[in-house]
C-alpha atoms as a PDB file:
ATOM      1  CA  MET A   1       0.000   0.000   0.000  1.00  0.00           C
ATOM      2  CA  ILE A   2       1.177   3.510  -0.786  1.00  0.00           C
ATOM      3  CA  HIS A   3       0.061   6.273   1.575  1.00  0.00           C
ATOM      4  CA  TYR A   4       0.585   9.935   0.720  1.00  0.00           C
ATOM      5  CA  LEU A   5       0.656  11.966   3.924  1.00  0.00           C
ATOM      6  CA  SER A   6       0.559  15.692   4.434  1.00  0.00           C
ATOM      7  CA  TYR A   7       1.224  17.597   7.645  1.00  0.00           C
ATOM      8  CA  GLN A   8      -1.489  20.228   7.997  1.00  0.00           C
ATOM      9  CA  LYS A   9      -2.200  22.312  11.093  1.00  0.00           C
ATOM     10  CA  GLY A  10      -0.424  19.893  13.409  1.00  0.00           C
ATOM     11  CA  GLU A  11      -2.219  16.876  11.944  1.00  0.00           C
ATOM     12  CA  LEU A  12      -1.000  14.137   9.642  1.00  0.00           C
ATOM     13  CA  VAL A  13      -3.577  13.787   6.866  1.00  0.00           C
ATOM     14  CA  GLU A  14      -3.713  11.187   4.100  1.00  0.00           C
ATOM     15  CA  VAL A  15      -4.114  12.788   0.662  1.00  0.00           C
ATOM     16  CA  ASP A  16      -4.067  11.800  -3.002  1.00  0.00           C
ATOM     17  CA  TYR A  17      -1.015  11.952  -5.224  1.00  0.00           C
ATOM     18  CA  SER A  18      -2.464  14.933  -7.031  1.00  0.00           C
ATOM     19  CA  GLN A  19      -2.322  16.962  -3.804  1.00  0.00           C
ATOM     20  CA  SER A  20       0.647  18.329  -1.932  1.00  0.00           C
ATOM     21  CA  PHE A  21       2.233  15.783   0.427  1.00  0.00           C
ATOM     22  CA  ASP A  22       5.285  15.579   2.675  1.00  0.00           C
ATOM     23  CA  TRP A  23       5.697  11.858   3.389  1.00  0.00           C
ATOM     24  CA  ILE A  24       5.118   8.698   1.346  1.00  0.00           C
ATOM     25  CA  ASN A  25       4.851   5.489   3.361  1.00  0.00           C
ATOM     26  CA  ILE A  26       5.030   2.263   1.338  1.00  0.00           C
ATOM     27  CA  PHE A  27       4.439  -1.247   2.665  1.00  0.00           C
ATOM     28  CA  PRO A  28       2.853  -4.447   1.250  1.00  0.00           C
ATOM     29  CA  PRO A  29       0.716  -5.274  -0.523  1.00  0.00           C
ATOM     30  CA  PHE A  30       1.971  -3.583  -3.654  1.00  0.00           C
ATOM     31  CA  SER A  31       3.100  -4.706  -7.097  1.00  0.00           C
ATOM     32  CA  PRO A  32       6.481  -4.186  -8.782  1.00  0.00           C
ATOM     33  CA  HIS A  33       4.675  -2.056 -11.359  1.00  0.00           C
ATOM     34  CA  GLU A  34       3.534   0.338  -8.613  1.00  0.00           C
ATOM     35  CA  LEU A  35       7.116   0.736  -7.362  1.00  0.00           C
ATOM     36  CA  GLU A  36       8.395   1.399 -10.868  1.00  0.00           C
ATOM     37  CA  LYS A  37       5.641   3.949 -11.404  1.00  0.00           C
ATOM     38  CA  GLU A  38       6.439   5.685  -8.123  1.00  0.00           C
ATOM     39  CA  ALA A  39      10.176   5.760  -8.877  1.00  0.00           C
ATOM     40  CA  SER A  40       9.457   7.271 -12.295  1.00  0.00           C
ATOM     41  CA  ARG A  41       7.132   9.913 -10.815  1.00  0.00           C
ATOM     42  CA  LEU A  42       9.685  10.992  -8.242  1.00  0.00           C
ATOM     43  CA  ASP A  43      12.648  10.634 -10.605  1.00  0.00           C
ATOM     44  CA  LEU A  44      14.399   8.203  -8.248  1.00  0.00           C
ATOM     45  CA  PRO A  45      16.419   5.030  -8.990  1.00  0.00           C
ATOM     46  CA  ILE A  46      14.253   1.913  -8.757  1.00  0.00           C
ATOM     47  CA  ASP A  47      17.109   0.302  -6.806  1.00  0.00           C
ATOM     48  CA  PHE A  48      16.276   2.556  -3.866  1.00  0.00           C
ATOM     49  CA  PHE A  49      12.913   0.810  -3.590  1.00  0.00           C
ATOM     50  CA  THR A  50      13.923  -2.763  -4.382  1.00  0.00           C
ATOM     51  CA  ASP A  51      16.989  -2.746  -2.105  1.00  0.00           C
ATOM     52  CA  SER A  52      14.799  -1.703   0.820  1.00  0.00           C
ATOM     53  CA  LEU A  53      12.762  -4.879   0.366  1.00  0.00           C
ATOM     54  CA  ASP A  54      15.756  -7.227   0.374  1.00  0.00           C
ATOM     55  CA  ILE A  55      15.814  -9.069   3.708  1.00  0.00           C
ATOM     56  CA  ASP A  56      19.593  -9.516   3.484  1.00  0.00           C
ATOM     57  CA  GLU A  57      20.484  -5.852   2.910  1.00  0.00           C
ATOM     58  CA  ARG A  58      22.885  -4.357   5.422  1.00  0.00           C
ATOM     59  CA  SER A  59      22.530  -0.940   7.033  1.00  0.00           C
ATOM     60  CA  ARG A  60      24.078   1.652   4.726  1.00  0.00           C
ATOM     61  CA  TYR A  61      23.470   4.887   2.862  1.00  0.00           C
ATOM     62  CA  GLU A  62      23.849   6.015  -0.753  1.00  0.00           C
ATOM     63  CA  ARG A  63      24.178   9.418  -2.369  1.00  0.00           C
ATOM     64  CA  GLU A  64      22.793   9.971  -5.848  1.00  0.00           C
ATOM     65  CA  GLU A  65      22.011  13.091  -7.846  1.00  0.00           C
ATOM     66  CA  GLU A  66      18.285  12.263  -7.749  1.00  0.00           C
ATOM     67  CA  GLY A  67      18.187  11.670  -3.993  1.00  0.00           C
ATOM     68  CA  ASN A  68      19.685   9.840  -1.048  1.00  0.00           C
ATOM     69  CA  LEU A  69      18.923   6.435   0.479  1.00  0.00           C
ATOM     70  CA  ILE A  70      19.316   5.283   4.069  1.00  0.00           C
ATOM     71  CA  LEU A  71      18.853   1.615   4.942  1.00  0.00           C
ATOM     72  CA  ILE A  72      18.539   0.768   8.614  1.00  0.00           C
ATOM     73  CA  ASN A  73      17.628  -2.539  10.247  1.00  0.00           C
ATOM     74  CA  ALA A  74      14.583  -2.614  12.515  1.00  0.00           C
ATOM     75  CA  ALA A  75      13.187  -5.200  14.915  1.00  0.00           C
ATOM     76  CA  PHE A  76       9.957  -6.934  13.910  1.00  0.00           C
ATOM     77  CA  LEU A  77       7.875  -9.279  16.029  1.00  0.00           C
ATOM     78  CA  ASN A  78       7.813 -12.576  14.146  1.00  0.00           C
ATOM     79  CA  HIS A  79       4.237 -13.757  13.635  1.00  0.00           C
ATOM     80  CA  ASP A  80       5.464 -17.234  12.718  1.00  0.00           C
ATOM     81  CA  SER A  81       5.007 -19.226  15.944  1.00  0.00           C
ATOM     82  CA  LYS A  82       6.969 -22.305  14.827  1.00  0.00           C
ATOM     83  CA  ASP A  83       9.346 -23.744  17.416  1.00  0.00           C
ATOM     84  CA  ASN A  84      12.345 -23.290  15.117  1.00  0.00           C
ATOM     85  CA  GLU A  85      11.665 -19.608  14.343  1.00  0.00           C
ATOM     86  CA  ALA A  86      12.996 -16.598  16.240  1.00  0.00           C
ATOM     87  CA  ILE A  87      10.569 -14.542  18.309  1.00  0.00           C
ATOM     88  CA  TYR A  88      11.960 -11.338  16.780  1.00  0.00           C
ATOM     89  CA  VAL A  89      13.532 -10.858  13.364  1.00  0.00           C
ATOM     90  CA  THR A  90      15.151  -7.810  11.826  1.00  0.00           C
ATOM     91  CA  VAL A  91      14.388  -6.415   8.382  1.00  0.00           C
ATOM     92  CA  PRO A  92      15.622  -3.300   6.594  1.00  0.00           C
ATOM     93  CA  ILE A  93      13.660  -0.064   6.442  1.00  0.00           C
ATOM     94  CA  GLY A  94      14.387   2.223   3.521  1.00  0.00           C
ATOM     95  CA  ILE A  95      14.371   5.999   4.023  1.00  0.00           C
ATOM     96  CA  ILE A  96      14.566   7.819   0.700  1.00  0.00           C
ATOM     97  CA  LEU A  97      15.287  11.549   0.649  1.00  0.00           C
ATOM     98  CA  SER A  98      13.887  13.240  -2.412  1.00  0.00           C
ATOM     99  CA  ARG A  99      13.882  16.961  -3.097  1.00  0.00           C
ATOM    100  CA  ASN A 100      10.658  17.887  -1.345  1.00  0.00           C
ATOM    101  CA  VAL A 101       9.391  14.623   0.083  1.00  0.00           C
ATOM    102  CA  ILE A 102      10.600  11.790   2.275  1.00  0.00           C
ATOM    103  CA  ILE A 103       9.729   8.186   1.388  1.00  0.00           C
ATOM    104  CA  THR A 104       9.778   5.226   3.769  1.00  0.00           C
ATOM    105  CA  ILE A 105       9.448   1.665   2.523  1.00  0.00           C
ATOM    106  CA  SER A 106       9.554  -1.696   4.298  1.00  0.00           C
ATOM    107  CA  GLN A 107       8.344  -5.254   3.975  1.00  0.00           C
ATOM    108  CA  SER A 108       5.482  -4.659   6.390  1.00  0.00           C
ATOM    109  CA  SER A 109       3.862  -1.866   8.337  1.00  0.00           C
ATOM    110  CA  HIS A 110       6.242  -1.188  11.209  1.00  0.00           C
ATOM    111  CA  PRO A 111       5.110   0.135  14.635  1.00  0.00           C
ATOM    112  CA  ILE A 112       7.569   3.012  14.170  1.00  0.00           C
ATOM    113  CA  PHE A 113       5.381   4.500  11.447  1.00  0.00           C
ATOM    114  CA  ASP A 114       2.226   3.901  13.476  1.00  0.00           C
ATOM    115  CA  LYS A 115       3.661   6.024  16.282  1.00  0.00           C
ATOM    116  CA  PHE A 116       4.136   8.955  13.929  1.00  0.00           C
ATOM    117  CA  ARG A 117       0.694   8.546  12.409  1.00  0.00           C
ATOM    118  CA  ASN A 118      -0.920   8.331  15.855  1.00  0.00           C
ATOM    119  CA  LYS A 119       0.886  11.462  17.097  1.00  0.00           C
ATOM    120  CA  LEU A 120       2.874   9.543  19.736  1.00  0.00           C
ATOM    121  CA  VAL A 121       6.132  11.304  18.845  1.00  0.00           C
ATOM    122  CA  LYS A 122       6.680  14.820  20.145  1.00  0.00           C
ATOM    123  CA  ASN A 123       7.691  17.672  17.851  1.00  0.00           C
ATOM    124  CA  PHE A 124       7.051  15.583  14.746  1.00  0.00           C
ATOM    125  CA  ASP A 125       7.046  17.414  11.427  1.00  0.00           C
ATOM    126  CA  PRO A 126       7.774  15.487   8.190  1.00  0.00           C
ATOM    127  CA  LYS A 127       8.653  18.768   6.487  1.00  0.00           C
ATOM    128  CA  ASN A 128      11.792  18.891   8.629  1.00  0.00           C
ATOM    129  CA  HIS A 129      13.569  15.936   7.006  1.00  0.00           C
ATOM    130  CA  ARG A 130      16.619  15.925   9.239  1.00  0.00           C
ATOM    131  CA  ARG A 131      14.649  15.839  12.492  1.00  0.00           C
ATOM    132  CA  PHE A 132      12.205  13.323  11.031  1.00  0.00           C
ATOM    133  CA  ILE A 133      15.037  10.929  10.150  1.00  0.00           C
ATOM    134  CA  LEU A 134      16.599  11.291  13.575  1.00  0.00           C
ATOM    135  CA  GLN A 135      13.233  10.653  15.202  1.00  0.00           C
ATOM    136  CA  MET A 136      12.860   7.466  13.145  1.00  0.00           C
ATOM    137  CA  PHE A 137      16.321   6.398  14.300  1.00  0.00           C
ATOM    138  CA  GLU A 138      15.285   7.127  17.877  1.00  0.00           C
ATOM    139  CA  GLN A 139      12.053   5.163  17.652  1.00  0.00           C
ATOM    140  CA  ASN A 140      13.921   2.302  16.009  1.00  0.00           C
ATOM    141  CA  VAL A 141      16.337   2.116  18.951  1.00  0.00           C
ATOM    142  CA  TYR A 142      13.385   2.206  21.360  1.00  0.00           C
ATOM    143  CA  GLY A 143      11.900  -0.719  19.430  1.00  0.00           C
ATOM    144  CA  PHE A 144      15.065  -2.741  19.990  1.00  0.00           C
ATOM    145  CA  LEU A 145      15.182  -1.816  23.684  1.00  0.00           C
ATOM    146  CA  ASP A 146      11.546  -2.791  24.142  1.00  0.00           C
ATOM    147  CA  GLY A 147      12.164  -6.118  22.391  1.00  0.00           C
ATOM    148  CA  LEU A 148      15.221  -6.767  24.576  1.00  0.00           C
ATOM    149  CA  LYS A 149      13.236  -6.170  27.766  1.00  0.00           C
ATOM    150  CA  LYS A 150      10.502  -8.562  26.633  1.00  0.00           C
ATOM    151  CA  LEU A 151      13.015 -11.229  25.635  1.00  0.00           C
ATOM    152  CA  ASN A 152      14.847 -10.922  28.947  1.00  0.00           C
ATOM    153  CA  LEU A 153      11.585 -11.190  30.900  1.00  0.00           C
ATOM    154  CA  LYS A 154      10.596 -14.255  28.897  1.00  0.00           C
ATOM    155  CA  ARG A 155      14.009 -15.794  29.532  1.00  0.00           C
ATOM    156  CA  ASN A 156      13.660 -15.301  33.283  1.00  0.00           C
ATOM    157  CA  LEU A 157      10.233 -16.937  33.301  1.00  0.00           C
ATOM    158  CA  ILE A 158      11.503 -19.913  31.296  1.00  0.00           C
ATOM    159  CA  GLU A 159      14.462 -20.332  33.643  1.00  0.00           C
ATOM    160  CA  GLN A 160      12.072 -20.556  36.587  1.00  0.00           C
ATOM    161  CA  GLU A 161      10.176 -23.263  34.731  1.00  0.00           C
ATOM    162  CA  LEU A 162      13.384 -25.142  34.019  1.00  0.00           C
ATOM    163  CA  TYR A 163      14.184 -25.369  37.731  1.00  0.00           C
ATOM    164  CA  ASN A 164      11.108 -27.553  38.182  1.00  0.00           C
ATOM    165  CA  SER A 165      10.976 -29.449  34.898  1.00  0.00           C
ATOM    166  CA  SER A 166      13.091 -30.625  32.008  1.00  0.00           C
ATOM    167  CA  ARG A 167      10.562 -30.400  29.198  1.00  0.00           C
ATOM    168  CA  ASN A 168      11.693 -29.752  25.661  1.00  0.00           C
ATOM    169  CA  SER A 169       9.214 -26.895  25.203  1.00  0.00           C
ATOM    170  CA  GLU A 170      11.176 -24.583  27.514  1.00  0.00           C
ATOM    171  CA  LEU A 171      14.432 -25.413  25.767  1.00  0.00           C
ATOM    172  CA  LYS A 172      12.868 -24.662  22.388  1.00  0.00           C
ATOM    173  CA  GLN A 173      11.708 -21.281  23.694  1.00  0.00           C
ATOM    174  CA  LEU A 174      15.240 -20.504  24.859  1.00  0.00           C
ATOM    175  CA  LEU A 175      16.532 -21.357  21.395  1.00  0.00           C
ATOM    176  CA  ARG A 176      13.976 -18.968  19.856  1.00  0.00           C
ATOM    177  CA  ILE A 177      15.182 -16.228  22.214  1.00  0.00           C
ATOM    178  CA  GLU A 178      18.797 -16.984  21.338  1.00  0.00           C
ATOM    179  CA  LYS A 179      18.040 -16.643  17.617  1.00  0.00           C
ATOM    180  CA  SER A 180      16.308 -13.312  18.265  1.00  0.00           C
ATOM    181  CA  LEU A 181      19.315 -12.010  20.184  1.00  0.00           C
ATOM    182  CA  VAL A 182      21.634 -13.010  17.335  1.00  0.00           C
ATOM    183  CA  PHE A 183      19.486 -10.954  14.945  1.00  0.00           C
ATOM    184  CA  PHE A 184      19.541  -8.044  17.397  1.00  0.00           C
ATOM    185  CA  VAL A 185      23.307  -8.085  17.897  1.00  0.00           C
ATOM    186  CA  ASN A 186      24.082  -8.152  14.177  1.00  0.00           C
ATOM    187  CA  SER A 187      21.524  -5.473  13.283  1.00  0.00           C
ATOM    188  CA  LEU A 188      22.417  -3.130  16.144  1.00  0.00           C
ATOM    189  CA  ARG A 189      26.099  -3.416  15.297  1.00  0.00           C
ATOM    190  CA  ALA A 190      25.372  -2.581  11.656  1.00  0.00           C
ATOM    191  CA  ASN A 191      23.139   0.339  12.693  1.00  0.00           C
ATOM    192  CA  ASP A 192      25.843   1.609  15.024  1.00  0.00           C
ATOM    193  CA  LEU A 193      28.423   1.608  12.238  1.00  0.00           C
ATOM    194  CA  LEU A 194      25.960   3.341   9.911  1.00  0.00           C
ATOM    195  CA  MET A 195      25.188   6.154  12.341  1.00  0.00           C
ATOM    196  CA  MET A 196      28.838   6.651  13.237  1.00  0.00           C
ATOM    197  CA  LYS A 197      29.672   6.945   9.531  1.00  0.00           C
ATOM    198  CA  MET A 198      26.756   9.336   8.973  1.00  0.00           C
ATOM    199  CA  LYS A 199      27.999  11.490  11.833  1.00  0.00           C
ATOM    200  CA  ARG A 200      31.587  11.465  10.570  1.00  0.00           C
ATOM    201  CA  THR A 201      30.621  12.402   6.990  1.00  0.00           C
ATOM    202  CA  ASP A 202      27.821  14.749   8.116  1.00  0.00           C
ATOM    203  CA  PHE A 203      25.422  12.974   5.776  1.00  0.00           C
ATOM    204  CA  LEU A 204      22.402  14.799   7.249  1.00  0.00           C
ATOM    205  CA  SER A 205      24.148  18.217   7.279  1.00  0.00           C
ATOM    206  CA  LEU A 206      23.772  18.638  11.021  1.00  0.00           C
ATOM    207  CA  LYS A 207      26.870  20.754  11.599  1.00  0.00           C
ATOM    208  CA  GLY A 208      25.931  24.126  12.998  1.00  0.00           C
ATOM    209  CA  ASP A 209      22.667  22.867  14.493  1.00  0.00           C
ATOM    210  CA  GLU A 210      23.661  22.098  18.072  1.00  0.00           C
ATOM    211  CA  VAL A 211      20.229  20.770  19.030  1.00  0.00           C
ATOM    212  CA  LEU A 212      20.135  18.169  16.256  1.00  0.00           C
ATOM    213  CA  GLU A 213      23.787  17.282  16.794  1.00  0.00           C
ATOM    214  CA  ASP A 214      23.109  16.555  20.463  1.00  0.00           C
ATOM    215  CA  PHE A 215      19.969  14.635  19.493  1.00  0.00           C
ATOM    216  CA  PHE A 216      21.948  12.462  17.076  1.00  0.00           C
ATOM    217  CA  GLU A 217      24.637  11.874  19.695  1.00  0.00           C
ATOM    218  CA  ASP A 218      22.007  10.704  22.195  1.00  0.00           C
ATOM    219  CA  ILE A 219      20.603   8.273  19.609  1.00  0.00           C
ATOM    220  CA  ILE A 220      24.067   6.810  18.981  1.00  0.00           C
ATOM    221  CA  ILE A 221      24.557   6.364  22.737  1.00  0.00           C
ATOM    222  CA  ASP A 222      21.156   4.643  23.089  1.00  0.00           C
ATOM    223  CA  ASN A 223      21.952   2.347  20.165  1.00  0.00           C
ATOM    224  CA  SER A 224      25.297   1.438  21.756  1.00  0.00           C
ATOM    225  CA  GLN A 225      23.463   0.700  25.003  1.00  0.00           C
ATOM    226  CA  ALA A 226      21.028  -1.573  23.168  1.00  0.00           C
ATOM    227  CA  LEU A 227      23.955  -3.357  21.495  1.00  0.00           C
ATOM    228  CA  GLU A 228      25.670  -3.857  24.850  1.00  0.00           C
ATOM    229  CA  MET A 229      22.444  -5.179  26.381  1.00  0.00           C
ATOM    230  CA  SER A 230      22.055  -7.611  23.488  1.00  0.00           C
ATOM    231  CA  ASN A 231      25.586  -8.920  24.007  1.00  0.00           C
ATOM    232  CA  VAL A 232      25.041  -9.285  27.760  1.00  0.00           C
ATOM    233  CA  TYR A 233      21.725 -11.119  27.316  1.00  0.00           C
ATOM    234  CA  THR A 234      23.296 -13.374  24.673  1.00  0.00           C
ATOM    235  CA  ASN A 235      26.149 -14.291  27.020  1.00  0.00           C
ATOM    236  CA  ILE A 236      23.747 -14.904  29.902  1.00  0.00           C
ATOM    237  CA  LEU A 237      21.559 -17.112  27.744  1.00  0.00           C
ATOM    238  CA  SER A 238      24.549 -19.086  26.445  1.00  0.00           C
ATOM    239  CA  SER A 239      25.789 -19.590  30.007  1.00  0.00           C
ATOM    240  CA  THR A 240      22.316 -20.654  31.098  1.00  0.00           C
ATOM    241  CA  MET A 241      22.061 -23.214  28.301  1.00  0.00           C
ATOM    242  CA  GLU A 242      25.511 -24.609  29.121  1.00  0.00           C
ATOM    243  CA  ALA A 243      24.740 -24.743  32.840  1.00  0.00           C
ATOM    244  CA  TYR A 244      21.429 -26.465  32.214  1.00  0.00           C
ATOM    245  CA  ALA A 245      23.127 -29.012  29.931  1.00  0.00           C
ATOM    246  CA  SER A 246      25.648 -29.700  32.703  1.00  0.00           C
ATOM    247  CA  ILE A 247      22.839 -30.104  35.243  1.00  0.00           C
ATOM    248  CA  ILE A 248      21.014 -32.562  32.977  1.00  0.00           C
ATOM    249  CA  SER A 249      24.232 -34.528  32.426  1.00  0.00           C
ATOM    250  CA  ASN A 250      24.965 -34.584  36.162  1.00  0.00           C
ATOM    251  CA  ASN A 251      21.420 -35.716  36.999  1.00  0.00           C
ATOM    252  CA  LEU A 252      21.690 -38.444  34.385  1.00  0.00           C
ATOM    253  CA  ASN A 253      24.968 -39.653  35.893  1.00  0.00           C
ATOM    254  CA  ILE A 254      23.421 -39.723  39.381  1.00  0.00           C
ATOM    255  CA  PHE A 255      20.408 -41.645  38.100  1.00  0.00           C
ATOM    256  CA  ILE A 256      22.590 -44.198  36.287  1.00  0.00           C
ATOM    257  CA  HIS A 257      24.778 -44.557  39.393  1.00  0.00           C
ATOM    258  CA  ARG A 258      21.769 -45.277  41.592  1.00  0.00           C
ATOM    259  CA  LEU A 259      20.307 -47.657  39.039  1.00  0.00           C
ATOM    260  CA  THR A 260      23.623 -49.540  38.880  1.00  0.00           C
ATOM    261  CA  ILE A 261      23.741 -49.873  42.672  1.00  0.00           C
ATOM    262  CA  ILE A 262      20.185 -51.183  42.791  1.00  0.00           C
ATOM    263  CA  THR A 263      20.979 -53.643  40.003  1.00  0.00           C
ATOM    264  CA  ILE A 264      24.032 -54.982  41.868  1.00  0.00           C
ATOM    265  CA  ILE A 265      22.119 -55.277  45.145  1.00  0.00           C
ATOM    266  CA  LEU A 266      19.373 -57.276  43.439  1.00  0.00           C
ATOM    267  CA  MET A 267      21.778 -59.311  41.346  1.00  0.00           C
ATOM    268  CA  VAL A 268      23.637 -61.015  44.252  1.00  0.00           C
ATOM    269  CA  PRO A 269      20.532 -62.541  45.955  1.00  0.00           C
ATOM    270  CA  THR A 270      19.264 -63.498  42.511  1.00  0.00           C
ATOM    271  CA  LEU A 271      22.581 -65.260  41.827  1.00  0.00           C
ATOM    272  CA  VAL A 272      22.300 -67.269  45.073  1.00  0.00           C
ATOM    273  CA  ALA A 273      18.717 -68.259  44.295  1.00  0.00           C
ATOM    274  CA  SER A 274      19.664 -69.257  40.743  1.00  0.00           C
ATOM    275  CA  PHE A 275      22.250 -71.761  42.047  1.00  0.00           C
ATOM    276  CA  TYR A 276      19.618 -73.511  44.084  1.00  0.00           C
ATOM    277  CA  GLY A 277      17.225 -73.418  41.190  1.00  0.00           C
ATOM    278  CA  MET A 278      19.463 -75.782  39.226  1.00  0.00           C
ATOM    279  CA  ASN A 279      18.208 -79.317  38.804  1.00  0.00           C
ATOM    280  CA  LEU A 280      21.416 -80.931  40.113  1.00  0.00           C
ATOM    281  CA  GLU A 281      22.397 -83.319  42.863  1.00  0.00           C
ATOM    282  CA  HIS A 282      24.866 -82.704  45.683  1.00  0.00           C
ATOM    283  CA  ILE A 283      24.026 -79.018  46.100  1.00  0.00           C
ATOM    284  CA  PRO A 284      24.880 -78.135  49.729  1.00  0.00           C
ATOM    285  CA  PHE A 285      21.870 -77.846  52.069  1.00  0.00           C
ATOM    286  CA  SER A 286      19.494 -78.632  49.191  1.00  0.00           C
ATOM    287  CA  SER A 287      17.732 -81.380  51.127  1.00  0.00           C
ATOM    288  CA  GLY A 288      17.395 -79.621  54.486  1.00  0.00           C
ATOM    289  CA  PRO A 289      13.906 -78.756  55.783  1.00  0.00           C
ATOM    290  CA  TYR A 290      14.833 -75.101  56.365  1.00  0.00           C
ATOM    291  CA  THR A 291      16.889 -74.545  53.205  1.00  0.00           C
ATOM    292  CA  PHE A 292      14.384 -72.107  51.690  1.00  0.00           C
ATOM    293  CA  TYR A 293      14.318 -69.897  54.806  1.00  0.00           C
ATOM    294  CA  VAL A 294      18.085 -70.051  55.113  1.00  0.00           C
ATOM    295  CA  LEU A 295      18.483 -68.921  51.503  1.00  0.00           C
ATOM    296  CA  ILE A 296      16.040 -66.038  51.993  1.00  0.00           C
ATOM    297  CA  PHE A 297      17.848 -64.964  55.159  1.00  0.00           C
ATOM    298  CA  PHE A 298      21.250 -65.288  53.497  1.00  0.00           C
ATOM    299  CA  SER A 299      20.085 -63.258  50.465  1.00  0.00           C
ATOM    300  CA  ILE A 300      18.773 -60.490  52.718  1.00  0.00           C
ATOM    301  CA  ILE A 301      22.070 -60.419  54.639  1.00  0.00           C
ATOM    302  CA  LEU A 302      24.012 -60.132  51.368  1.00  0.00           C
ATOM    303  CA  GLY A 303      21.737 -57.333  50.163  1.00  0.00           C
ATOM    304  CA  LEU A 304      22.113 -55.397  53.414  1.00  0.00           C
ATOM    305  CA  ALA A 305      25.864 -55.920  53.325  1.00  0.00           C
ATOM    306  CA  LEU A 306      26.030 -54.460  49.813  1.00  0.00           C
ATOM    307  CA  ILE A 307      23.894 -51.488  50.861  1.00  0.00           C
ATOM    308  CA  TYR A 308      26.212 -50.879  53.812  1.00  0.00           C
ATOM    309  CA  PHE A 309      29.240 -51.174  51.522  1.00  0.00           C
ATOM    310  CA  PHE A 310      27.975 -48.628  48.977  1.00  0.00           C
ATOM    311  CA  ARG A 311      26.956 -46.173  51.693  1.00  0.00           C
ATOM    312  CA  ARG A 312      30.414 -46.363  53.233  1.00  0.00           C
ATOM    313  CA  ALA A 313      31.916 -45.866  49.769  1.00  0.00           C
ATOM    314  CA  ARG A 314      29.954 -42.618  49.274  1.00  0.00           C
ATOM    315  CA  GLN A 315      31.299 -41.109  52.499  1.00  0.00           C
END
């Protein structure tokens, strides 16, 4: 869908292409023909639109005579609930700077854009391209931070469940969280490099505007914080998985040890009884009237002796 938005009297209003507009927001469903038509109307390279839809595109920016492109990775909640899929994935968002309009394009409608449309961002004005881009960067970082808090909370809850059970479902959830954190780390690192390069080359022409320069610096700091949090949570989760694997292995060893002891304790009386179960002559005490009771008593004594032996061995 292609939405043409105009900022009028403090309100963001959807208009037709024939009217004056400040922001074009593009997200599926749309056809390749519509993208080509839009690129031709705005005199922009079609690559600006198609690259923004490539899931494998890295965060970067391009300068062209017709306009500029910024690609930044954003966190998306994965609606695929399969056990082998990450809870969060990251996809690129394209920000295209034309002469008089700013275009955003992504594979799906992102909550970042909903915040702007619902007036949840202060001092928002799409006519001011530089501030608008910085505000999108800021909201993108907040999206990562919010996702990190939810993933960490979910991890804590699963860990509490793992203390009382060893079901595969909890382990699968931890693997989904781990995949999400891998996406976060890679995307936040790429975003951090992009913003540092944009600051160094003054891509947004912020020099001389102290307010916007400080705003951009705060965004870079918040992104670095999100990256550090992602690394910390990834390390904690890896340590948790390793510790839980060690606990399972240790419990299995204890169980096998106990089972072996029980098997040995039961085996010795069974061995004595099997000798007297043979259909042979000249077996000692086989003809006595109390042989059965003697064998039972002797088997119990042997079993108790083995129990005493293993207990002493554990001390």
